[in-house]
C-alpha atoms as a PDB file:
ATOM      1  CA  MET A   1       4.652   4.135 -10.952  1.00  0.00           C
ATOM      2  CA  SER A   2       5.458   2.847  -7.479  1.00  0.00           C
ATOM      3  CA  VAL A   3       3.028   1.883  -4.761  1.00  0.00           C
ATOM      4  CA  VAL A   4       3.346   1.038  -1.185  1.00  0.00           C
ATOM      5  CA  ILE A   5       1.065  -1.490   0.331  1.00  0.00           C
ATOM      6  CA  ILE A   6       0.305  -1.121   3.756  1.00  0.00           C
ATOM      7  CA  GLY A   7      -1.259  -4.219   5.921  1.00  0.00           C
ATOM      8  CA  GLY A   8      -2.326  -7.564   4.111  1.00  0.00           C
ATOM      9  CA  HIS A   9      -1.758 -11.043   4.657  1.00  0.00           C
ATOM     10  CA  GLU A  10       2.253 -11.684   4.901  1.00  0.00           C
ATOM     11  CA  ARG A  11       1.625 -14.785   3.021  1.00  0.00           C
ATOM     12  CA  MET A  12       0.059 -12.644   0.185  1.00  0.00           C
ATOM     13  CA  GLU A  13       3.131 -10.121   0.184  1.00  0.00           C
ATOM     14  CA  ARG A  14       4.495 -11.936  -3.159  1.00  0.00           C
ATOM     15  CA  ILE A  15       1.051 -11.916  -4.867  1.00  0.00           C
ATOM     16  CA  TYR A  16       0.509  -8.646  -4.094  1.00  0.00           C
ATOM     17  CA  LYS A  17       3.641  -7.324  -5.914  1.00  0.00           C
ATOM     18  CA  ASP A  18       3.284  -9.538  -8.744  1.00  0.00           C
ATOM     19  CA  ALA A  19      -0.174  -7.819  -8.967  1.00  0.00           C
ATOM     20  CA  GLY A  20       1.717  -4.781  -8.891  1.00  0.00           C
ATOM     21  CA  LYS A  21       4.428  -5.789 -11.652  1.00  0.00           C
ATOM     22  CA  LYS A  22       1.434  -7.107 -13.724  1.00  0.00           C
ATOM     23  CA  HIS A  23      -0.316  -3.540 -13.955  1.00  0.00           C
ATOM     24  CA  GLY A  24       2.863  -1.627 -14.021  1.00  0.00           C
ATOM     25  CA  CYS A  25       4.005  -0.753 -10.894  1.00  0.00           C
ATOM     26  CA  ARG A  26       6.767  -1.092  -8.376  1.00  0.00           C
ATOM     27  CA  VAL A  27       5.518  -2.397  -5.330  1.00  0.00           C
ATOM     28  CA  LYS A  28       6.636  -2.368  -1.682  1.00  0.00           C
ATOM     29  CA  VAL A  29       4.800  -3.821   1.145  1.00  0.00           C
ATOM     30  CA  PHE A  30       4.568  -3.799   4.651  1.00  0.00           C
ATOM     31  CA  THR A  31       2.400  -5.883   6.236  1.00  0.00           C
ATOM     32  CA  LYS A  32       3.371  -4.638  10.077  1.00  0.00           C
ATOM     33  CA  MET A  33       4.503  -1.267  11.710  1.00  0.00           C
ATOM     34  CA  LYS A  34       8.316  -0.574  11.349  1.00  0.00           C
ATOM     35  CA  GLY A  35       9.790   1.968  13.873  1.00  0.00           C
ATOM     36  CA  ASP A  36      11.515   3.643  10.696  1.00  0.00           C
ATOM     37  CA  LEU A  37       8.090   3.217   8.351  1.00  0.00           C
ATOM     38  CA  MET A  38       8.678   7.207   7.600  1.00  0.00           C
ATOM     39  CA  LYS A  39      12.410   6.434   5.899  1.00  0.00           C
ATOM     40  CA  ARG A  40      11.421   3.184   4.499  1.00  0.00           C
ATOM     41  CA  ILE A  41       8.551   4.347   2.517  1.00  0.00           C
ATOM     42  CA  GLY A  42      10.497   6.932   0.511  1.00  0.00           C
ATOM     43  CA  ASN A  43       8.517   8.874  -2.071  1.00  0.00           C
ATOM     44  CA  PRO A  44       6.007   6.410  -4.129  1.00  0.00           C
ATOM     45  CA  ASP A  45       3.071   7.644  -6.250  1.00  0.00           C
ATOM     46  CA  TYR A  46       0.202   5.856  -3.998  1.00  0.00           C
ATOM     47  CA  ILE A  47       0.099   4.966  -0.652  1.00  0.00           C
ATOM     48  CA  VAL A  48      -2.661   1.621  -0.679  1.00  0.00           C
ATOM     49  CA  THR A  49      -3.547   0.678   2.850  1.00  0.00           C
ATOM     50  CA  PHE A  50      -5.634  -2.596   3.465  1.00  0.00           C
ATOM     51  CA  THR A  51      -7.455  -1.271   6.713  1.00  0.00           C
ATOM     52  CA  ASP A  52      -9.158  -4.683   7.680  1.00  0.00           C
ATOM     53  CA  VAL A  53      -5.893  -6.194   9.017  1.00  0.00           C
ATOM     54  CA  VAL A  54      -4.036  -3.643  10.613  1.00  0.00           C
ATOM     55  CA  SER A  55      -3.747  -1.490  13.600  1.00  0.00           C
ATOM     56  CA  HIS A  56      -5.412   1.843  13.870  1.00  0.00           C
ATOM     57  CA  LYS A  57      -1.848   3.187  15.242  1.00  0.00           C
ATOM     58  CA  LEU A  58      -0.637   1.966  11.655  1.00  0.00           C
ATOM     59  CA  VAL A  59      -3.676   3.303   9.828  1.00  0.00           C
ATOM     60  CA  ASN A  60      -3.409   6.784  11.718  1.00  0.00           C
ATOM     61  CA  THR A  61       0.986   6.781  10.982  1.00  0.00           C
ATOM     62  CA  THR A  62       0.105   6.287   7.457  1.00  0.00           C
ATOM     63  CA  MET A  63      -2.279   9.086   7.157  1.00  0.00           C
ATOM     64  CA  LYS A  64       0.273  11.254   8.851  1.00  0.00           C
ATOM     65  CA  ILE A  65       2.948  10.237   6.461  1.00  0.00           C
ATOM     66  CA  SER A  66       0.842  10.491   3.602  1.00  0.00           C
ATOM     67  CA  LYS A  67      -0.273  14.294   4.204  1.00  0.00           C
ATOM     68  CA  LYS A  68       3.280  15.307   4.987  1.00  0.00           C
ATOM     69  CA  LYS A  69       4.530  13.888   2.045  1.00  0.00           C
ATOM     70  CA  ASN A  70       1.615  14.897  -0.181  1.00  0.00           C
ATOM     71  CA  ILE A  71       1.072  11.459  -1.254  1.00  0.00           C
ATOM     72  CA  PRO A  72      -2.357  10.261  -2.590  1.00  0.00           C
ATOM     73  CA  ASN A  73      -3.683   7.476  -0.125  1.00  0.00           C
ATOM     74  CA  LEU A  74      -6.366   5.098  -1.218  1.00  0.00           C
ATOM     75  CA  ARG A  75      -7.862   3.057   1.855  1.00  0.00           C
ATOM     76  CA  LEU A  76      -9.367  -0.295   1.088  1.00  0.00           C
ATOM     77  CA  HIS A  77     -11.772  -2.472   3.204  1.00  0.00           C
ATOM     78  CA  ASN A  78     -10.460  -5.683   1.795  1.00  0.00           C
ATOM     79  CA  SER A  79      -7.264  -7.297   1.415  1.00  0.00           C
ATOM     80  CA  SER A  80      -7.707  -9.404  -1.520  1.00  0.00           C
ATOM     81  CA  LEU A  81      -5.979  -9.730  -5.092  1.00  0.00           C
ATOM     82  CA  THR A  82      -8.844  -8.762  -6.912  1.00  0.00           C
ATOM     83  CA  THR A  83      -9.309  -5.365  -4.638  1.00  0.00           C
ATOM     84  CA  LEU A  84      -6.087  -4.605  -5.221  1.00  0.00           C
ATOM     85  CA  GLU A  85      -5.956  -4.830  -9.074  1.00  0.00           C
ATOM     86  CA  ASN A  86      -9.070  -3.111  -9.219  1.00  0.00           C
ATOM     87  CA  ALA A  87      -7.417   0.141  -7.488  1.00  0.00           C
ATOM     88  CA  LEU A  88      -4.468  -0.563  -9.251  1.00  0.00           C
ATOM     89  CA  ILE A  89      -6.831  -0.039 -12.526  1.00  0.00           C
ATOM     90  CA  GLU A  90      -8.364   2.777 -10.887  1.00  0.00           C
ATOM     91  CA  MET A  91      -4.748   4.607 -10.333  1.00  0.00           C
ATOM     92  CA  LYS A  92      -3.753   3.832 -14.035  1.00  0.00           C
ATOM     93  CA  CYS A  93      -0.512   1.958 -13.095  1.00  0.00           C
ATOM     94  CA  SER A  94      -0.051   0.159 -16.452  1.00  0.00           C
END
């Protein structure tokens, strides 16, 4: 299963990827807005958006991509490791 994480802290990027690996997911992390986000996201099984540390524009762009590509989008209001791990368990990555 593949998951794209939008937002979060740059210093936590490696930790997010390790948590995904621990739960059996391939993880891509985008902590900042990229111009070619639509192409770089690809076709993941889920998009997780940490809304506490990203701009409204990035959240709106992510929602548009999610609707256009028909990808489930999970918005989390906290970018902690525990929150991410609970979300991965809920998505049944294991």
